[in-house]
Amino acid sequence: MVYADAANILADMQEEDNWFDAATGSVDIQQYLNMMMDEHDHHEVEVFNSMIHDDEDYHTEDEDDAPKEKKRRKKRIILARRNENGQLEAIPPKESLWWHMYVACPQEDDSRFLRKFRRRFRHPYAQFKWFVEEARKEKWFPEGKSSSPLELLILGAFRYLGRGLTFDDLEESTAISEEVHRNFFHKFIKIGSTVLYERYVRAPQTKEEVQEHMHEFAIAGLPGAFASTDATNIIHELCNWKNRRAHIGFKSKSACRTYNTTVNHRRRILATTFGNPGSFNDKTLILFDTFIRDIKRGEKLDDYTFELLERRGEEVVAVQYQGVWIVVDNGYHNWSTTVPPMSNCVKIEEIRWSAWLESMRKDVECTFGILKGRWRILKTGVRLHSTQAVDRVWLTCCALHNWLLEVDGLDKAWDGVSVNASEWEGEIGGLEECDTPMAIRNLLSPAQIREYDTSTIGGMMDMDEDDDEDNEEDDDEMADALVESGEGVVYVRNLSLQYFRSKLIEHFDIKFRRGEVVWPKSR
């Protein structure tokens, strides 16, 4: 009886939905599935299709008929009691401590208040007010009718960068929820990494612009140099598991983003790469540095001319070279446009020049120390999920660093007299002694025996790893012929590192024996 009923039901289903063709014995799978699905299953299919198509026009007839309800976000408020037995009340941001101290009633005529504000938020109070006015004028952060006060959000972003706090800490001080601070911070670093970065981080593009950065290197006996470059790592605490392996290098046990940064001797950042995995060494990283790569190719700053002194018998002559070069450590490629000190040398001229060059290269190490001291988020680690956010934090800190150099008057050429002092350099950016970079500790203790290269990236030996050694020797012979004949231009980028470095050592030795080499001082 049961089987007969089942057969009758099956026959009715076939007639109703036409999923089975008795004549041919074929089955329409789509019709069968539609017949078997209930109303809930149909709804799940509609949701799945909308996710696949990702099309606003994809909708069902039921959706057209149903009224669309506007999704409203639940307002986040901070509750507190005004006394022990009081009721919970909403605390508006304009009754918070920061609002009264820094916005409503600031003590702008009190030097103690100004010093504390600078220490707490890393910016002078006058620059903070200018930044708020500029943000409103340029509409960087559009404000709505019920928006949180822009002043408090900007102060929160400065404090988050400067002291590496959490968004929950900012909620306590501003009565603005941590989620609002988090959303605003992402907008802040987007502006910082684009608008502010383009405004304050400018790589030289012409010979007139590069000339502005050569003063300190020229008086130190290093003509043609205008900057130093090195890599630094920033810890990415919330790196996802897919990228974690690539972001763990041999220098750190934590996931890191690494940046190759070029600075002049005044600690001004001229250019930096976007973030790369922490497993990249200097040789790999510099291939992604478009600024240095363009110099190597002769596409930038190839029209600058400088002179090197050379001995020809008893006579000293000046030879013209064209192009520029950058001071590096021994972890980089053996390019003539990136010159490191010599690791193994026995002649006094080579030892003296290498020690001098290594000391000049400390400017980039000092810049990293100042950056990580002033912006503690770079030292303690970035607690954001995406690598893009970490890169934006780095670019924002570079832009703010250059801006503060201009504010403090520290971007002027060092003449040993008029350049102001920076409280961040005096205390090494507030770093603890145990965390002080080796390069800065060496500068503080000149009597300490130091190696010429303290980096642990790449080989420490000056070995020519290029495959075209014969071509380099031919280029050097042609350069010698041009120098002896006095005809033609000797391009730095076409020389081998060994040849060009030997000419730099000879020039420095001549200037040193004449007493014409001066260590650059800011004051």
Protein backbone atom coordinates (compact mmCIF):
# COMPACT_ATOMS: atom_id res chain seq x y z
CA MET A 1 0.00 0.00 0.00
CA VAL A 2 2.80 2.34 0.89
CA TYR A 3 4.67 1.66 -2.34
CA ALA A 4 1.51 2.29 -4.38
CA ASP A 5 0.94 5.65 -2.69
CA ALA A 6 4.56 6.63 -3.28
CA ALA A 7 4.29 5.74 -6.95
CA ASN A 8 1.12 7.83 -7.34
CA ILE A 9 2.78 10.82 -5.62
CA LEU A 10 5.84 10.49 -7.85
CA ALA A 11 3.62 10.39 -10.93
CA ASP A 12 1.82 13.55 -9.82
CA MET A 13 5.19 15.31 -9.25
CA GLN A 14 6.34 14.37 -12.74
CA GLU A 15 3.18 15.71 -14.33
CA GLU A 16 3.27 18.95 -12.29
CA ASP A 17 6.90 19.94 -12.74
CA ASN A 18 7.80 18.11 -15.96
CA TRP A 19 11.24 17.13 -14.63
CA PHE A 20 11.06 13.58 -16.12
CA ASP A 21 10.47 12.77 -19.78
CA ALA A 22 8.97 9.25 -19.88
CA ALA A 23 9.38 8.96 -23.65
CA THR A 24 13.13 9.48 -23.68
CA GLY A 25 13.88 8.54 -20.07
CA SER A 26 15.79 11.83 -19.52
CA VAL A 27 15.73 13.92 -16.34
CA ASP A 28 15.80 17.75 -16.17
CA ILE A 29 18.14 18.27 -13.20
CA GLN A 30 17.33 21.99 -12.76
CA GLN A 31 13.58 21.32 -12.67
CA TYR A 32 14.12 18.48 -10.21
CA LEU A 33 16.20 20.67 -7.85
CA ASN A 34 13.64 23.49 -8.01
CA MET A 35 10.91 21.05 -7.13
CA MET A 36 12.82 19.60 -4.16
CA MET A 37 13.86 22.97 -2.61
CA ASP A 38 11.64 24.62 -0.04
CA GLU A 39 11.13 28.37 0.44
CA HIS A 40 14.15 28.74 2.74
CA ASP A 41 16.40 26.99 0.24
CA HIS A 42 15.28 29.37 -2.50
CA HIS A 43 16.20 32.34 -0.32
CA GLU A 44 19.70 30.95 0.27
CA VAL A 45 20.20 30.54 -3.47
CA GLU A 46 19.15 34.15 -4.05
CA VAL A 47 21.69 35.37 -1.48
CA PHE A 48 24.41 33.20 -3.01
CA ASN A 49 23.68 34.51 -6.52
CA SER A 50 23.82 38.10 -5.31
CA MET A 51 27.25 37.43 -3.79
CA ILE A 52 28.54 35.89 -7.03
CA HIS A 53 27.23 38.53 -9.39
CA ASP A 54 28.04 41.45 -7.05
CA ASP A 55 25.63 43.45 -9.12
CA GLU A 56 23.27 46.06 -7.75
CA ASP A 57 20.81 45.23 -10.54
CA TYR A 58 20.56 41.59 -9.45
CA HIS A 59 17.40 41.24 -7.41
CA THR A 60 14.22 39.26 -7.22
CA GLU A 61 10.65 40.34 -7.78
CA ASP A 62 9.96 40.03 -4.04
CA GLU A 63 12.76 42.50 -3.32
CA ASP A 64 11.17 45.06 -5.64
CA ASP A 65 7.88 44.84 -3.80
CA ALA A 66 9.31 44.83 -0.26
CA PRO A 67 10.02 48.26 1.29
CA LYS A 68 13.72 48.86 1.90
CA GLU A 69 14.57 49.76 5.46
CA LYS A 70 17.52 52.07 6.02
CA LYS A 71 20.13 50.47 8.22
CA ARG A 72 20.93 52.73 11.14
CA ARG A 73 24.07 52.44 13.18
CA LYS A 74 23.59 52.31 16.87
CA LYS A 75 25.00 55.47 18.40
CA ARG A 76 27.99 54.78 20.58
CA ILE A 77 28.00 56.76 23.80
CA ILE A 78 30.28 56.79 26.83
CA LEU A 79 28.47 56.32 30.14
CA ALA A 80 29.68 57.35 33.58
CA ARG A 81 28.38 58.41 37.02
CA ARG A 82 29.06 61.90 38.31
CA ASN A 83 29.00 60.69 41.96
CA GLU A 84 28.89 57.44 43.87
CA ASN A 85 25.09 57.13 43.97
CA GLY A 86 24.36 58.90 40.71
CA GLN A 87 22.72 57.54 37.61
CA LEU A 88 24.64 56.54 34.51
CA GLU A 89 24.84 59.51 32.18
CA ALA A 90 26.16 59.99 28.66
CA ILE A 91 29.47 61.92 28.70
CA PRO A 92 29.73 64.09 25.56
CA PRO A 93 33.19 64.67 24.04
CA LYS A 94 32.96 68.39 24.82
CA GLU A 95 32.98 67.57 28.52
CA SER A 96 36.08 65.40 28.28
CA LEU A 97 39.43 66.27 29.84
CA TRP A 98 41.19 66.78 26.52
CA TRP A 99 38.50 69.18 25.29
CA HIS A 100 38.87 71.46 28.30
CA MET A 101 42.68 71.26 28.40
CA TYR A 102 43.60 71.55 24.73
CA VAL A 103 40.58 72.98 22.85
CA ALA A 104 38.23 75.03 25.01
CA CYS A 105 40.66 76.59 27.50
CA PRO A 106 44.29 76.04 26.40
CA GLN A 107 47.02 77.85 28.32
CA GLU A 108 48.82 79.17 25.27
CA ASP A 109 50.76 81.78 27.27
CA ASP A 110 52.20 79.15 29.64
CA SER A 111 55.56 77.77 28.45
CA ARG A 112 55.16 74.73 30.71
CA PHE A 113 51.85 73.87 29.02
CA LEU A 114 53.42 74.25 25.57
CA ARG A 115 56.34 71.99 26.47
CA LYS A 116 54.03 69.31 27.84
CA PHE A 117 51.79 69.52 24.78
CA ARG A 118 54.80 69.04 22.51
CA ARG A 119 55.97 66.05 24.52
CA ARG A 120 52.53 64.45 24.63
CA PHE A 121 51.46 65.02 21.03
CA ARG A 122 54.85 65.50 19.29
CA HIS A 123 53.74 68.80 17.72
CA PRO A 124 53.90 72.41 18.88
CA TYR A 125 50.47 73.74 19.83
CA ALA A 126 50.57 76.39 17.07
CA GLN A 127 51.16 73.69 14.45
CA PHE A 128 48.29 71.63 15.86
CA LYS A 129 45.91 74.58 15.41
CA TRP A 130 47.24 75.15 11.89
CA PHE A 131 46.72 71.48 11.05
CA VAL A 132 43.08 71.59 12.21
CA GLU A 133 42.41 74.74 10.15
CA GLU A 134 44.10 73.22 7.08
CA ALA A 135 42.09 70.00 7.46
CA ARG A 136 38.83 71.96 7.53
CA LYS A 137 39.87 74.22 4.68
CA GLU A 138 40.93 71.36 2.39
CA LYS A 139 38.07 69.13 3.63
CA TRP A 140 40.39 66.22 4.39
CA PHE A 141 37.94 64.82 6.95
CA PRO A 142 34.34 65.86 6.08
CA GLU A 143 32.31 66.65 9.18
CA GLY A 144 28.61 65.88 9.62
CA LYS A 145 26.04 67.48 11.92
CA SER A 146 26.64 65.03 14.75
CA SER A 147 30.31 64.32 14.09
CA SER A 148 32.79 64.04 16.92
CA PRO A 149 34.96 67.15 17.38
CA LEU A 150 37.71 67.14 14.76
CA GLU A 151 40.22 68.59 17.24
CA LEU A 152 39.90 65.58 19.54
CA LEU A 153 40.15 63.09 16.68
CA ILE A 154 43.35 64.71 15.38
CA LEU A 155 44.82 64.80 18.89
CA GLY A 156 43.97 61.12 19.21
CA ALA A 157 45.77 60.31 15.95
CA PHE A 158 48.87 62.23 17.08
CA ARG A 159 48.86 60.45 20.45
CA TYR A 160 48.34 57.05 18.83
CA LEU A 161 51.34 57.59 16.55
CA GLY A 162 53.52 59.27 19.14
CA ARG A 163 53.10 56.96 22.09
CA GLY A 164 51.81 53.77 20.50
CA LEU A 165 48.62 53.71 22.56
CA THR A 166 45.46 51.74 21.85
CA PHE A 167 42.17 53.20 20.63
CA ASP A 168 40.64 52.21 23.96
CA ASP A 169 43.09 54.60 25.70
CA LEU A 170 41.86 57.40 23.45
CA GLU A 171 38.25 56.65 24.37
CA GLU A 172 39.04 57.28 28.04
CA SER A 173 40.55 60.69 27.32
CA THR A 174 38.11 62.02 24.71
CA ALA A 175 34.75 60.33 25.46
CA ILE A 176 34.71 59.26 21.81
CA SER A 177 34.32 55.54 21.21
CA GLU A 178 37.35 53.53 20.19
CA GLU A 179 35.62 52.46 16.97
CA VAL A 180 35.22 56.11 15.90
CA HIS A 181 38.90 56.71 16.65
CA ARG A 182 39.85 53.62 14.67
CA ASN A 183 37.83 54.65 11.62
CA PHE A 184 39.21 58.19 11.76
CA PHE A 185 42.79 56.95 12.11
CA HIS A 186 42.53 55.07 8.83
CA LYS A 187 41.35 58.29 7.16
CA PHE A 188 44.17 60.20 8.86
CA ILE A 189 46.96 57.92 7.61
CA LYS A 190 45.43 57.91 4.13
CA ILE A 191 45.77 61.71 4.03
CA GLY A 192 49.20 61.49 5.67
CA SER A 193 50.54 58.99 3.16
CA THR A 194 49.26 60.92 0.14
CA VAL A 195 48.68 64.64 0.70
CA LEU A 196 51.22 65.21 3.48
CA TYR A 197 53.80 62.84 2.01
CA GLU A 198 53.73 64.53 -1.39
CA ARG A 199 53.98 67.93 0.30
CA TYR A 200 56.90 67.27 2.67
CA VAL A 201 58.88 64.32 1.22
CA ARG A 202 60.41 65.53 -2.02
CA ALA A 203 63.22 63.72 -3.80
CA PRO A 204 65.55 66.00 -5.81
CA GLN A 205 64.84 65.89 -9.52
CA THR A 206 67.25 68.51 -10.95
CA LYS A 207 70.89 69.44 -10.38
CA GLU A 208 69.77 72.66 -8.66
CA GLU A 209 67.64 70.69 -6.20
CA VAL A 210 70.31 68.09 -5.46
CA GLN A 211 72.86 70.84 -4.87
CA GLU A 212 70.87 71.86 -1.77
CA HIS A 213 71.67 68.52 -0.10
CA MET A 214 75.41 68.33 -0.92
CA HIS A 215 76.86 71.01 1.38
CA GLU A 216 77.72 68.72 4.32
CA PHE A 217 79.23 66.00 2.09
CA ALA A 218 81.25 68.53 0.10
CA ILE A 219 82.98 70.07 3.14
CA ALA A 220 83.61 66.53 4.47
CA GLY A 221 85.66 65.67 1.36
CA LEU A 222 82.97 63.58 -0.36
CA PRO A 223 81.98 65.51 -3.51
CA GLY A 224 79.15 64.08 -5.60
CA ALA A 225 77.42 62.50 -2.58
CA PHE A 226 74.14 63.97 -1.38
CA ALA A 227 72.48 61.31 0.80
CA SER A 228 72.76 58.02 2.67
CA THR A 229 70.38 55.10 2.37
CA ASP A 230 69.58 52.06 4.48
CA ALA A 231 66.69 49.76 5.37
CA THR A 232 64.67 49.57 8.57
CA ASN A 233 62.03 47.15 9.81
CA ILE A 234 58.65 47.94 11.36
CA ILE A 235 56.87 45.18 13.30
CA HIS A 236 53.43 44.23 11.97
CA GLU A 237 51.74 42.63 14.97
CA LEU A 238 48.49 41.66 13.25
CA CYS A 239 49.98 40.23 10.07
CA ASN A 240 47.72 37.47 8.74
CA TRP A 241 48.94 33.91 8.64
CA LYS A 242 49.22 33.81 4.83
CA ASN A 243 51.80 36.62 4.76
CA ARG A 244 53.50 35.89 8.06
CA ARG A 245 56.16 33.52 6.73
CA ALA A 246 57.35 35.98 4.08
CA HIS A 247 57.41 38.83 6.61
CA ILE A 248 59.66 37.10 9.14
CA GLY A 249 63.31 37.83 8.39
CA PHE A 250 66.56 36.73 9.96
CA LYS A 251 66.80 39.99 11.94
CA SER A 252 63.49 39.65 13.78
CA LYS A 253 61.31 36.88 15.11
CA SER A 254 58.20 38.97 14.46
CA ALA A 255 56.48 39.72 11.17
CA CYS A 256 57.92 42.96 9.77
CA ARG A 257 57.59 45.36 6.89
CA THR A 258 60.89 46.72 5.61
CA TYR A 259 61.55 50.10 3.98
CA ASN A 260 64.59 51.42 2.15
CA THR A 261 64.95 55.08 3.08
CA THR A 262 67.21 57.80 1.66
CA VAL A 263 68.08 60.81 3.84
CA ASN A 264 70.41 63.78 3.60
CA HIS A 265 72.91 64.63 6.35
CA ARG A 266 70.38 66.91 8.06
CA ARG A 267 68.13 63.89 8.77
CA ARG A 268 65.60 64.97 6.16
CA ILE A 269 63.94 62.07 4.37
CA LEU A 270 64.25 62.45 0.61
CA ALA A 271 62.64 59.21 -0.53
CA THR A 272 61.45 55.87 0.78
CA THR A 273 60.09 52.71 -0.73
CA PHE A 274 56.67 51.30 -0.03
CA GLY A 275 56.68 48.36 2.34
CA ASN A 276 58.16 45.00 1.42
CA PRO A 277 58.29 41.68 3.30
CA GLY A 278 60.75 41.61 6.17
CA SER A 279 62.57 38.65 4.60
CA PHE A 280 63.99 40.93 1.89
CA ASN A 281 67.65 41.87 2.31
CA ASP A 282 69.24 45.10 1.07
CA LYS A 283 70.18 43.69 -2.32
CA THR A 284 66.59 42.69 -3.03
CA LEU A 285 65.02 45.75 -1.46
CA ILE A 286 66.98 48.30 -3.50
CA LEU A 287 65.61 46.80 -6.71
CA PHE A 288 62.21 48.15 -5.62
CA ASP A 289 63.63 51.62 -4.86
CA THR A 290 62.69 53.55 -8.00
CA PHE A 291 64.63 56.67 -6.94
CA ILE A 292 68.00 54.91 -6.58
CA ARG A 293 67.31 52.67 -9.56
CA ASP A 294 66.67 55.70 -11.77
CA ILE A 295 69.99 57.21 -10.66
CA LYS A 296 71.74 53.97 -11.56
CA ARG A 297 70.12 53.99 -15.01
CA GLY A 298 71.01 57.63 -15.61
CA GLU A 299 67.37 58.72 -15.73
CA LYS A 300 67.73 61.11 -12.78
CA LEU A 301 70.42 63.57 -11.64
CA ASP A 302 72.75 62.51 -14.44
CA ASP A 303 73.58 66.10 -15.40
CA TYR A 304 75.30 67.11 -12.15
CA THR A 305 79.06 67.68 -12.49
CA PHE A 306 81.71 67.53 -9.74
CA GLU A 307 85.50 67.32 -9.54
CA LEU A 308 87.88 64.81 -7.95
CA LEU A 309 91.57 65.53 -7.33
CA GLU A 310 94.11 63.03 -8.66
CA ARG A 311 97.89 62.74 -8.52
CA ARG A 312 99.85 62.58 -11.76
CA GLY A 313 103.44 62.36 -10.78
CA GLU A 314 104.23 65.45 -8.73
CA GLU A 315 101.22 67.29 -10.03
CA VAL A 316 97.63 67.28 -8.72
CA VAL A 317 94.88 67.74 -11.29
CA ALA A 318 91.08 68.05 -11.08
CA VAL A 319 89.04 65.58 -13.11
CA GLN A 320 85.38 66.13 -13.87
CA TYR A 321 82.79 63.43 -13.26
CA GLN A 322 79.11 63.50 -14.06
CA GLY A 323 76.33 62.03 -11.94
CA VAL A 324 75.80 61.53 -8.22
CA TRP A 325 76.33 58.77 -5.66
CA ILE A 326 74.85 57.67 -2.32
CA VAL A 327 76.54 56.35 0.83
CA VAL A 328 75.50 52.80 1.81
CA ASP A 329 76.76 49.88 3.88
CA ASN A 330 78.23 46.67 2.49
CA GLY A 331 74.89 44.90 2.16
CA TYR A 332 74.05 46.52 -1.17
CA HIS A 333 75.01 45.76 -4.76
CA ASN A 334 78.44 46.75 -6.01
CA TRP A 335 77.21 49.76 -7.93
CA SER A 336 79.29 52.87 -8.43
CA THR A 337 76.23 54.98 -7.57
CA THR A 338 75.97 53.34 -4.13
CA VAL A 339 79.35 53.46 -2.40
CA PRO A 340 80.04 51.59 0.88
CA PRO A 341 83.15 51.77 3.12
CA MET A 342 85.84 49.15 2.66
CA SER A 343 85.59 46.20 5.02
CA ASN A 344 89.12 44.87 4.51
CA CYS A 345 91.84 47.43 4.04
CA VAL A 346 95.47 47.80 5.14
CA LYS A 347 96.54 51.17 3.74
CA ILE A 348 96.16 54.15 6.04
CA GLU A 349 94.41 56.13 3.29
CA GLU A 350 91.76 53.43 2.89
CA ILE A 351 91.31 52.99 6.66
CA ARG A 352 90.90 56.73 7.22
CA TRP A 353 88.46 57.17 4.34
CA SER A 354 86.38 54.12 5.33
CA ALA A 355 86.09 55.23 8.96
CA TRP A 356 85.11 58.74 7.82
CA LEU A 357 82.52 57.45 5.36
CA GLU A 358 81.05 55.08 7.94
CA SER A 359 80.68 57.97 10.38
CA MET A 360 78.96 60.07 7.72
CA ARG A 361 76.59 57.16 7.06
CA LYS A 362 75.30 57.38 10.63
CA ASP A 363 72.90 60.11 9.51
CA VAL A 364 70.46 57.51 8.22
CA GLU A 365 70.81 55.45 11.42
CA CYS A 366 70.19 58.59 13.50
CA THR A 367 67.12 59.33 11.41
CA PHE A 368 65.69 55.89 12.21
CA GLY A 369 66.42 56.49 15.90
CA ILE A 370 64.66 59.86 15.83
CA LEU A 371 61.69 58.43 13.93
CA LYS A 372 61.20 55.51 16.29
CA GLY A 373 61.73 57.72 19.33
CA ARG A 374 59.27 60.40 18.23
CA TRP A 375 56.68 58.01 16.76
CA ARG A 376 56.63 55.10 19.21
CA ILE A 377 54.22 53.11 17.07
CA LEU A 378 57.20 52.39 14.80
CA LYS A 379 59.11 50.98 17.76
CA THR A 380 56.39 49.05 19.59
CA GLY A 381 54.75 47.66 16.45
CA VAL A 382 51.71 48.53 14.35
CA ARG A 383 48.48 46.89 15.56
CA LEU A 384 46.54 47.15 12.32
CA HIS A 385 45.51 44.25 10.11
CA SER A 386 46.41 45.17 6.54
CA THR A 387 49.92 45.69 5.20
CA GLN A 388 48.60 48.74 3.35
CA ALA A 389 47.74 50.34 6.70
CA VAL A 390 51.25 49.65 8.00
CA ASP A 391 52.77 51.26 4.91
CA ARG A 392 50.52 54.29 5.34
CA VAL A 393 51.61 54.65 8.96
CA TRP A 394 55.26 54.66 7.86
CA LEU A 395 54.72 57.21 5.09
CA THR A 396 52.69 59.42 7.41
CA CYS A 397 55.44 59.37 10.05
CA CYS A 398 58.04 60.27 7.39
CA ALA A 399 55.93 63.23 6.25
CA LEU A 400 55.36 64.49 9.81
CA HIS A 401 59.07 64.06 10.57
CA ASN A 402 60.05 66.34 7.66
CA TRP A 403 57.33 68.82 8.59
CA LEU A 404 58.67 69.12 12.12
CA LEU A 405 62.22 69.61 10.80
CA GLU A 406 60.92 72.63 8.90
CA VAL A 407 59.00 73.89 11.93
CA ASP A 408 62.09 73.62 14.16
CA GLY A 409 64.39 75.13 11.52
CA LEU A 410 66.51 71.98 11.32
CA ASP A 411 66.31 71.58 7.54
CA LYS A 412 68.80 74.37 6.81
CA ALA A 413 72.35 73.72 5.65
CA TRP A 414 74.76 73.03 8.52
CA ASP A 415 77.18 75.94 8.87
CA GLY A 416 78.26 75.15 12.43
CA VAL A 417 76.61 78.30 13.82
CA SER A 418 72.98 79.03 13.14
CA VAL A 419 71.13 75.70 12.99
CA ASN A 420 68.86 75.09 15.98
CA ALA A 421 69.15 72.12 18.30
CA SER A 422 66.50 69.43 18.47
CA GLU A 423 65.38 67.99 21.79
CA TRP A 424 64.77 64.69 20.03
CA GLU A 425 68.39 64.34 18.94
CA GLY A 426 69.69 65.38 22.34
CA GLU A 427 67.93 62.49 24.06
CA ILE A 428 68.09 60.10 21.12
CA GLY A 429 64.37 60.42 20.61
CA GLY A 430 63.61 59.23 24.12
CA LEU A 431 64.95 55.72 23.52
CA GLU A 432 66.13 53.67 26.47
CA GLU A 433 69.85 52.94 26.55
CA CYS A 434 69.37 49.21 26.00
CA ASP A 435 67.22 49.94 22.93
CA THR A 436 69.52 52.56 21.45
CA PRO A 437 70.68 51.55 17.95
CA MET A 438 74.31 50.48 17.78
CA ALA A 439 75.10 53.26 15.31
CA ILE A 440 73.95 55.96 17.74
CA ARG A 441 75.78 54.38 20.67
CA ASN A 442 78.94 54.42 18.59
CA LEU A 443 78.51 58.11 17.92
CA LEU A 444 78.09 58.77 21.63
CA SER A 445 81.29 56.84 22.38
CA PRO A 446 83.85 57.76 19.71
CA ALA A 447 86.62 56.01 21.63
CA GLN A 448 84.81 52.71 21.38
CA ILE A 449 86.30 50.40 18.77
CA ARG A 450 83.76 50.03 16.00
CA GLU A 451 83.59 47.99 12.89
CA TYR A 452 83.22 49.82 9.62
CA ASP A 453 79.90 48.15 8.97
CA THR A 454 77.43 47.20 11.72
CA SER A 455 74.67 45.85 9.48
CA THR A 456 74.01 42.13 9.34
CA ILE A 457 72.47 42.18 5.89
CA GLY A 458 74.35 40.64 3.01
CA GLY A 459 78.02 39.80 2.78
CA MET A 460 80.62 41.75 4.71
CA MET A 461 83.35 41.25 2.11
CA ASP A 462 83.92 43.54 -0.82
CA MET A 463 83.46 40.91 -3.49
CA ASP A 464 82.46 41.70 -7.02
CA GLU A 465 79.46 39.50 -7.67
CA ASP A 466 78.63 40.92 -11.07
CA ASP A 467 78.75 38.58 -14.02
CA ASP A 468 80.19 41.15 -16.41
CA GLU A 469 83.62 41.72 -14.83
CA ASP A 470 85.26 41.98 -18.24
CA ASN A 471 82.84 44.71 -19.28
CA GLU A 472 83.57 46.66 -16.08
CA GLU A 473 87.31 46.42 -16.70
CA ASP A 474 86.78 47.74 -20.23
CA ASP A 475 84.71 50.63 -18.84
CA ASP A 476 87.46 51.45 -16.34
CA GLU A 477 90.10 51.44 -19.06
CA MET A 478 87.95 53.77 -21.16
CA ALA A 479 87.49 56.03 -18.13
CA ASP A 480 91.26 56.15 -17.60
CA ALA A 481 91.75 57.04 -21.24
CA LEU A 482 89.20 59.86 -20.98
CA VAL A 483 90.83 61.18 -17.80
CA GLU A 484 94.32 61.17 -19.30
CA SER A 485 93.21 62.80 -22.54
CA GLY A 486 91.04 65.38 -20.78
CA GLU A 487 88.35 64.82 -23.40
CA GLY A 488 84.80 63.57 -22.92
CA VAL A 489 82.70 63.11 -19.78
CA VAL A 490 83.24 60.38 -17.20
CA TYR A 491 79.84 59.18 -16.01
CA VAL A 492 79.80 57.76 -12.50
CA ARG A 493 77.13 55.16 -13.33
CA ASN A 494 79.36 53.59 -16.04
CA LEU A 495 82.29 52.91 -13.68
CA SER A 496 82.93 49.90 -11.50
CA LEU A 497 82.65 50.34 -7.75
CA GLN A 498 86.31 49.49 -7.16
CA TYR A 499 87.57 52.03 -9.70
CA PHE A 500 85.33 54.90 -8.57
CA ARG A 501 85.98 54.22 -4.88
CA SER A 502 89.74 54.32 -5.45
CA LYS A 503 89.32 57.78 -7.00
CA LEU A 504 87.25 58.94 -4.02
CA ILE A 505 89.92 57.67 -1.60
CA GLU A 506 92.66 59.47 -3.52
CA HIS A 507 90.70 62.73 -3.55
CA PHE A 508 89.96 62.49 0.19
CA ASP A 509 93.61 61.78 1.02
CA ILE A 510 94.75 64.88 -0.90
CA LYS A 511 92.17 67.09 0.81
CA PHE A 512 92.93 65.59 4.23
CA ARG A 513 96.67 66.20 3.95
CA ARG A 514 95.95 69.79 2.94
CA GLY A 515 93.76 70.22 6.02
CA GLU A 516 90.70 71.02 3.89
CA VAL A 517 88.42 68.33 5.29
CA VAL A 518 85.88 69.53 7.89
CA TRP A 519 83.45 67.47 9.91
CA PRO A 520 79.98 68.98 9.35
CA LYS A 521 78.36 70.45 12.46
CA SER A 522 74.90 71.88 12.90
CA ARG A 523 75.95 74.49 15.46
